[in-house]
N, C-alpha and C. Protein backbone atom coordinates (compact mmCIF):
# COMPACT_ATOMS: atom_id res chain seq x y z
N UNK A 1 6.72 2.43 -16.31
CA UNK A 1 7.90 2.71 -17.09
C UNK A 1 8.97 1.59 -16.95
N UNK A 2 8.63 0.43 -16.63
CA UNK A 2 9.61 -0.65 -16.39
C UNK A 2 9.35 -1.80 -17.29
N UNK A 3 10.42 -2.57 -17.54
CA UNK A 3 10.19 -3.83 -18.40
C UNK A 3 9.79 -4.99 -17.49
N UNK A 4 8.96 -5.74 -18.02
CA UNK A 4 8.53 -6.95 -17.38
C UNK A 4 8.16 -7.95 -18.35
N UNK A 5 8.03 -9.24 -17.99
CA UNK A 5 7.67 -10.33 -18.85
C UNK A 5 6.31 -11.00 -18.45
N UNK A 6 5.52 -11.25 -19.35
CA UNK A 6 4.13 -11.86 -18.92
C UNK A 6 4.53 -13.42 -18.77
N UNK A 7 4.11 -13.74 -17.63
CA UNK A 7 4.42 -15.22 -17.35
C UNK A 7 3.24 -16.04 -17.61
N UNK A 8 2.04 -15.60 -17.31
CA UNK A 8 0.78 -16.37 -17.40
C UNK A 8 -0.33 -15.40 -17.59
N UNK A 9 -1.30 -15.89 -18.13
CA UNK A 9 -2.60 -15.04 -18.33
C UNK A 9 -3.54 -15.70 -17.39
N UNK A 10 -4.12 -14.87 -16.37
CA UNK A 10 -4.96 -15.29 -15.40
C UNK A 10 -6.39 -15.45 -15.87
N UNK A 11 -6.85 -14.25 -16.41
CA UNK A 11 -8.21 -14.31 -17.12
C UNK A 11 -8.14 -13.28 -18.19
N UNK A 12 -9.27 -12.87 -18.74
CA UNK A 12 -9.24 -11.92 -19.90
C UNK A 12 -8.87 -10.49 -19.55
N UNK A 13 -8.86 -10.18 -18.19
CA UNK A 13 -8.37 -8.92 -17.91
C UNK A 13 -7.08 -8.74 -16.95
N UNK A 14 -6.56 -9.90 -16.55
CA UNK A 14 -5.32 -9.80 -15.76
C UNK A 14 -4.28 -10.89 -16.19
N UNK A 15 -3.02 -10.60 -15.92
CA UNK A 15 -2.02 -11.47 -16.16
C UNK A 15 -1.11 -11.50 -15.04
N UNK A 16 -0.14 -12.43 -15.07
CA UNK A 16 0.93 -12.60 -14.15
C UNK A 16 2.29 -12.18 -14.73
N UNK A 17 2.95 -11.15 -14.10
CA UNK A 17 4.21 -10.63 -14.81
C UNK A 17 5.30 -10.74 -13.80
N UNK A 18 6.39 -10.76 -14.23
CA UNK A 18 7.79 -10.87 -13.46
C UNK A 18 8.83 -10.05 -14.18
N UNK A 19 9.69 -9.35 -13.61
CA UNK A 19 10.66 -8.53 -14.07
C UNK A 19 11.75 -9.11 -14.86
N UNK A 20 12.58 -9.97 -14.33
CA UNK A 20 12.80 -10.49 -13.13
C UNK A 20 13.36 -9.25 -12.21
N UNK A 21 13.19 -9.27 -10.91
CA UNK A 21 13.45 -8.21 -10.00
C UNK A 21 14.82 -7.79 -10.08
N UNK A 22 15.78 -8.83 -10.13
CA UNK A 22 17.25 -8.52 -10.21
C UNK A 22 17.61 -7.65 -11.43
N UNK A 23 16.74 -7.88 -12.48
CA UNK A 23 17.23 -7.08 -13.74
C UNK A 23 16.48 -5.76 -13.90
N UNK A 24 15.28 -5.71 -13.66
CA UNK A 24 14.25 -4.65 -14.00
C UNK A 24 13.73 -3.91 -12.68
N UNK A 25 13.66 -4.64 -11.68
CA UNK A 25 13.13 -4.00 -10.22
C UNK A 25 11.64 -4.33 -10.31
N UNK A 26 11.08 -5.27 -11.06
CA UNK A 26 9.65 -5.56 -11.11
C UNK A 26 9.59 -6.97 -10.47
N UNK A 27 8.75 -6.97 -9.34
CA UNK A 27 8.58 -8.22 -8.67
C UNK A 27 7.47 -9.02 -9.29
N UNK A 28 7.26 -10.25 -8.99
CA UNK A 28 6.20 -11.17 -9.66
C UNK A 28 4.92 -10.69 -9.05
N UNK A 29 3.95 -10.35 -9.86
CA UNK A 29 2.73 -9.82 -9.49
C UNK A 29 1.65 -9.92 -10.48
N UNK A 30 0.34 -9.81 -10.09
CA UNK A 30 -0.69 -9.88 -11.14
C UNK A 30 -0.96 -8.48 -11.39
N UNK A 31 -1.35 -8.16 -12.74
CA UNK A 31 -1.56 -6.82 -13.12
C UNK A 31 -2.58 -6.74 -14.21
N UNK A 32 -3.53 -5.79 -14.25
CA UNK A 32 -4.59 -5.71 -15.32
C UNK A 32 -3.86 -5.42 -16.59
N UNK A 33 -4.44 -6.01 -17.69
CA UNK A 33 -3.80 -5.73 -19.14
C UNK A 33 -3.91 -4.16 -19.48
N UNK A 34 -4.84 -3.51 -18.87
CA UNK A 34 -5.06 -2.12 -19.18
C UNK A 34 -3.74 -1.21 -18.83
N UNK A 35 -3.02 -1.72 -17.77
CA UNK A 35 -1.73 -0.94 -17.28
C UNK A 35 -0.57 -1.50 -17.99
N UNK A 36 -0.65 -2.29 -19.06
CA UNK A 36 0.47 -2.85 -19.76
C UNK A 36 0.57 -2.15 -21.04
N UNK A 37 1.70 -1.98 -21.55
CA UNK A 37 2.13 -1.60 -22.98
C UNK A 37 2.83 -2.67 -23.55
N UNK A 38 2.61 -3.27 -24.54
CA UNK A 38 3.22 -4.41 -25.00
C UNK A 38 4.43 -3.89 -26.07
N UNK A 39 5.55 -4.55 -26.07
CA UNK A 39 6.56 -4.28 -27.08
C UNK A 39 6.75 -5.45 -28.01
N UNK A 40 7.54 -5.40 -29.07
CA UNK A 40 7.88 -6.41 -29.92
C UNK A 40 8.90 -7.42 -29.33
N UNK A 41 9.59 -7.15 -28.31
CA UNK A 41 10.55 -7.94 -27.65
C UNK A 41 9.93 -9.27 -27.04
N UNK A 42 10.52 -10.28 -27.44
CA UNK A 42 9.81 -11.61 -26.89
C UNK A 42 10.90 -12.51 -26.23
N UNK A 43 10.47 -12.87 -25.06
CA UNK A 43 11.34 -13.85 -24.29
C UNK A 43 10.67 -15.19 -24.26
N UNK A 44 11.56 -16.27 -24.71
CA UNK A 44 11.01 -17.58 -24.87
C UNK A 44 11.02 -18.31 -23.52
N UNK A 45 9.97 -18.27 -22.64
CA UNK A 45 9.76 -18.96 -21.45
C UNK A 45 8.48 -19.76 -21.45
N UNK A 46 8.53 -20.72 -20.45
CA UNK A 46 7.33 -21.58 -20.36
C UNK A 46 6.39 -20.86 -19.42
N UNK A 47 4.99 -21.17 -19.37
CA UNK A 47 4.25 -20.48 -18.34
C UNK A 47 4.56 -20.88 -16.92
N UNK A 48 4.35 -19.92 -16.13
CA UNK A 48 4.77 -19.97 -14.63
C UNK A 48 6.24 -20.36 -14.38
N UNK A 49 7.13 -19.80 -15.31
CA UNK A 49 8.51 -20.04 -15.26
C UNK A 49 9.13 -19.46 -13.96
N UNK A 50 9.97 -20.24 -13.30
CA UNK A 50 10.68 -19.76 -12.14
C UNK A 50 11.53 -18.58 -12.38
N UNK A 51 11.94 -17.81 -11.35
CA UNK A 51 12.66 -16.58 -11.57
C UNK A 51 14.20 -16.95 -12.05
N UNK A 52 14.55 -18.01 -11.79
CA UNK A 52 15.97 -18.40 -12.19
C UNK A 52 15.98 -18.70 -13.74
N UNK A 53 14.99 -19.43 -14.16
CA UNK A 53 14.92 -19.68 -15.57
C UNK A 53 14.41 -18.46 -16.35
N UNK A 54 13.59 -17.54 -15.78
CA UNK A 54 13.31 -16.37 -16.49
C UNK A 54 14.52 -15.46 -16.55
N UNK A 55 15.37 -15.36 -15.57
CA UNK A 55 16.62 -14.55 -15.59
C UNK A 55 17.46 -14.98 -16.78
N UNK A 56 17.64 -16.34 -16.77
CA UNK A 56 18.54 -17.06 -17.85
C UNK A 56 18.09 -16.66 -19.29
N UNK A 57 16.64 -16.77 -19.38
CA UNK A 57 15.84 -16.45 -20.72
C UNK A 57 16.04 -15.03 -21.10
N UNK A 58 15.79 -14.09 -20.04
CA UNK A 58 15.93 -12.63 -20.13
C UNK A 58 17.23 -12.16 -20.66
N UNK A 59 18.43 -12.85 -20.09
CA UNK A 59 19.76 -12.48 -20.56
C UNK A 59 19.97 -12.95 -21.89
N UNK A 60 19.50 -14.26 -22.14
CA UNK A 60 19.76 -14.84 -23.40
C UNK A 60 18.99 -14.09 -24.64
N UNK A 61 17.83 -13.60 -24.32
CA UNK A 61 17.12 -12.71 -25.35
C UNK A 61 17.67 -11.40 -25.47
N UNK A 62 18.65 -10.92 -24.59
CA UNK A 62 19.26 -9.63 -24.49
C UNK A 62 18.26 -8.65 -24.58
N UNK A 63 17.19 -8.61 -23.78
CA UNK A 63 16.03 -7.68 -23.67
C UNK A 63 16.56 -6.34 -23.38
N UNK A 64 17.49 -6.23 -22.39
CA UNK A 64 17.88 -4.76 -22.04
C UNK A 64 18.55 -4.05 -23.18
N UNK A 65 19.34 -4.63 -23.86
CA UNK A 65 20.13 -4.16 -25.16
C UNK A 65 18.90 -3.79 -26.26
N UNK A 66 18.07 -4.71 -26.50
CA UNK A 66 17.08 -4.54 -27.52
C UNK A 66 16.07 -3.31 -27.10
N UNK A 67 15.80 -3.22 -25.71
CA UNK A 67 15.02 -2.20 -25.32
C UNK A 67 15.68 -0.78 -25.49
N UNK A 68 17.04 -0.84 -25.21
CA UNK A 68 17.83 0.51 -25.25
C UNK A 68 17.81 1.02 -26.59
N UNK A 69 17.71 0.08 -27.75
CA UNK A 69 17.83 0.55 -29.06
C UNK A 69 16.38 1.07 -29.53
N UNK A 70 15.39 0.91 -28.93
CA UNK A 70 14.06 1.26 -29.41
C UNK A 70 14.00 2.67 -29.23
N UNK A 71 13.22 3.39 -30.18
CA UNK A 71 12.75 4.76 -30.08
C UNK A 71 12.10 5.07 -28.80
N UNK A 72 11.27 4.23 -28.29
CA UNK A 72 10.54 4.46 -27.17
C UNK A 72 11.47 4.71 -25.84
N UNK A 73 12.40 3.86 -25.81
CA UNK A 73 13.44 3.92 -24.66
C UNK A 73 14.36 5.32 -24.76
N UNK A 74 14.65 5.65 -26.08
CA UNK A 74 15.49 6.82 -26.26
C UNK A 74 14.65 8.00 -25.96
N UNK A 75 13.34 8.02 -26.21
CA UNK A 75 12.43 9.15 -25.81
C UNK A 75 12.47 9.33 -24.33
N UNK A 76 12.15 8.20 -23.69
CA UNK A 76 12.21 8.21 -22.24
C UNK A 76 13.62 8.71 -21.61
N UNK A 77 14.67 8.24 -22.24
CA UNK A 77 16.03 8.76 -21.63
C UNK A 77 16.22 10.24 -21.96
N UNK A 78 15.61 10.63 -23.13
CA UNK A 78 15.76 12.02 -23.38
C UNK A 78 15.06 12.94 -22.46
N UNK A 79 13.84 12.46 -22.20
CA UNK A 79 12.94 13.10 -21.26
C UNK A 79 13.54 13.23 -19.85
N UNK A 80 14.05 12.19 -19.51
CA UNK A 80 14.63 12.01 -18.13
C UNK A 80 15.86 13.00 -18.11
N UNK A 81 16.62 12.89 -19.04
CA UNK A 81 17.92 13.89 -18.99
C UNK A 81 17.44 15.45 -19.14
N UNK A 82 16.39 15.74 -19.89
CA UNK A 82 15.94 17.06 -19.96
C UNK A 82 15.35 17.44 -18.56
N UNK A 83 14.59 16.52 -17.98
CA UNK A 83 14.09 16.90 -16.63
C UNK A 83 15.24 17.04 -15.61
N UNK A 84 16.32 16.41 -15.78
CA UNK A 84 17.31 16.53 -14.60
C UNK A 84 18.39 17.48 -14.98
N UNK A 85 18.23 18.32 -15.97
CA UNK A 85 19.19 19.28 -16.45
C UNK A 85 19.11 20.37 -15.56
N UNK A 86 20.24 21.13 -15.33
CA UNK A 86 20.35 22.36 -14.44
C UNK A 86 19.81 23.55 -15.38
N UNK A 87 19.59 24.68 -14.51
CA UNK A 87 19.21 25.99 -15.33
C UNK A 87 20.23 26.38 -16.20
N UNK A 88 21.61 26.32 -15.89
CA UNK A 88 22.65 26.62 -16.62
C UNK A 88 22.67 25.84 -17.86
N UNK A 89 22.52 24.50 -17.85
CA UNK A 89 22.51 23.62 -19.10
C UNK A 89 21.48 24.07 -19.90
N UNK A 90 20.19 24.31 -19.38
CA UNK A 90 19.05 24.76 -20.21
C UNK A 90 19.36 26.09 -21.08
N UNK A 91 20.14 27.10 -20.22
CA UNK A 91 20.54 28.32 -20.72
C UNK A 91 21.54 28.04 -21.97
N UNK A 92 22.58 27.17 -21.74
CA UNK A 92 23.49 26.92 -22.77
C UNK A 92 22.82 26.27 -24.12
N UNK A 93 21.83 25.51 -23.78
CA UNK A 93 21.21 24.73 -24.77
C UNK A 93 20.39 25.92 -25.64
N UNK A 94 19.65 26.90 -24.93
CA UNK A 94 18.99 27.84 -25.58
C UNK A 94 19.92 28.70 -26.43
N UNK A 95 21.16 29.08 -25.97
CA UNK A 95 22.18 29.81 -26.86
C UNK A 95 22.51 28.90 -28.05
N UNK A 96 22.77 27.78 -27.93
CA UNK A 96 23.26 26.81 -28.95
C UNK A 96 22.08 26.75 -30.02
N UNK A 97 20.82 26.75 -29.61
CA UNK A 97 19.77 26.58 -30.46
C UNK A 97 19.60 27.91 -31.37
N UNK A 98 19.82 29.18 -30.55
CA UNK A 98 19.77 30.38 -31.27
C UNK A 98 20.88 30.48 -32.36
N UNK A 99 22.00 30.12 -31.94
CA UNK A 99 23.13 30.23 -32.87
C UNK A 99 22.91 29.23 -34.15
N UNK A 100 22.40 28.11 -33.90
CA UNK A 100 22.08 27.31 -35.11
C UNK A 100 20.99 27.80 -36.07
N UNK A 101 20.03 28.36 -35.29
CA UNK A 101 18.80 28.95 -36.19
C UNK A 101 19.36 30.13 -36.99
N UNK A 102 20.42 30.93 -36.41
CA UNK A 102 20.77 32.03 -37.05
C UNK A 102 21.61 31.60 -38.41
N UNK A 103 22.37 30.57 -38.09
CA UNK A 103 23.20 29.98 -39.27
C UNK A 103 22.31 29.35 -40.33
N UNK A 104 21.18 28.75 -39.87
CA UNK A 104 20.45 28.33 -41.04
C UNK A 104 19.74 29.30 -41.65
N UNK A 105 19.25 30.36 -40.99
CA UNK A 105 18.55 31.47 -41.64
C UNK A 105 19.64 32.34 -42.70
N UNK A 106 20.76 32.39 -42.20
CA UNK A 106 21.77 33.14 -43.01
C UNK A 106 22.01 32.32 -44.31
N UNK A 107 22.16 30.88 -44.20
CA UNK A 107 22.29 30.14 -45.48
C UNK A 107 21.17 30.10 -46.32
N UNK A 108 19.94 30.06 -45.64
CA UNK A 108 18.72 30.15 -46.40
C UNK A 108 18.68 31.49 -47.18
N UNK A 109 18.82 32.47 -46.55
CA UNK A 109 18.75 33.86 -47.30
C UNK A 109 19.84 33.79 -48.42
N UNK A 110 21.07 33.22 -48.28
CA UNK A 110 21.97 33.26 -49.44
C UNK A 110 21.40 32.44 -50.55
N UNK A 111 20.86 31.29 -50.23
CA UNK A 111 20.31 30.45 -51.30
C UNK A 111 19.14 31.08 -52.01
N UNK A 112 18.32 31.90 -51.13
CA UNK A 112 17.18 32.60 -51.76
C UNK A 112 17.69 33.70 -52.76
N UNK A 113 18.67 34.39 -52.23
CA UNK A 113 19.19 35.38 -52.94
C UNK A 113 19.75 35.09 -54.27
N UNK A 114 20.46 33.79 -54.36
CA UNK A 114 21.02 33.31 -55.49
C UNK A 114 19.91 32.87 -56.50
N UNK A 115 18.78 32.29 -55.89
CA UNK A 115 17.67 31.86 -56.69
C UNK A 115 17.02 33.04 -57.44
N UNK A 116 16.83 34.21 -56.70
CA UNK A 116 16.29 35.29 -57.33
C UNK A 116 17.03 35.96 -58.47
N UNK A 117 18.49 35.92 -58.24
CA UNK A 117 19.23 36.44 -59.36
C UNK A 117 19.14 35.70 -60.73
N UNK A 118 18.75 34.32 -60.64
CA UNK A 118 18.74 33.62 -61.92
C UNK A 118 17.52 33.90 -62.57
């Protein structure tokens, strides 16, 4: 669930990735392609780029802000927020959903009644 940049392709099954660690918490390591999920965000770096150059390119490409605007990141953030909510927050949310549903149903009933009169 972290962002990383593919630095080099080792063979058809493995690649070398780097976070950079200061930005994403991912250290330089080799990892199988099976464990990766690719995004459309591209960082322009050379093969085997040093961490300093990678950090500069990472910031220049504004990867963190682009990632934050994707629906994938928003879903992860919502899931994290939901998981960290307290029992009382979940209770308040349930009440708000009930209230919203009752308002929608009342409006729907009014519209349905008007439609039947015509």
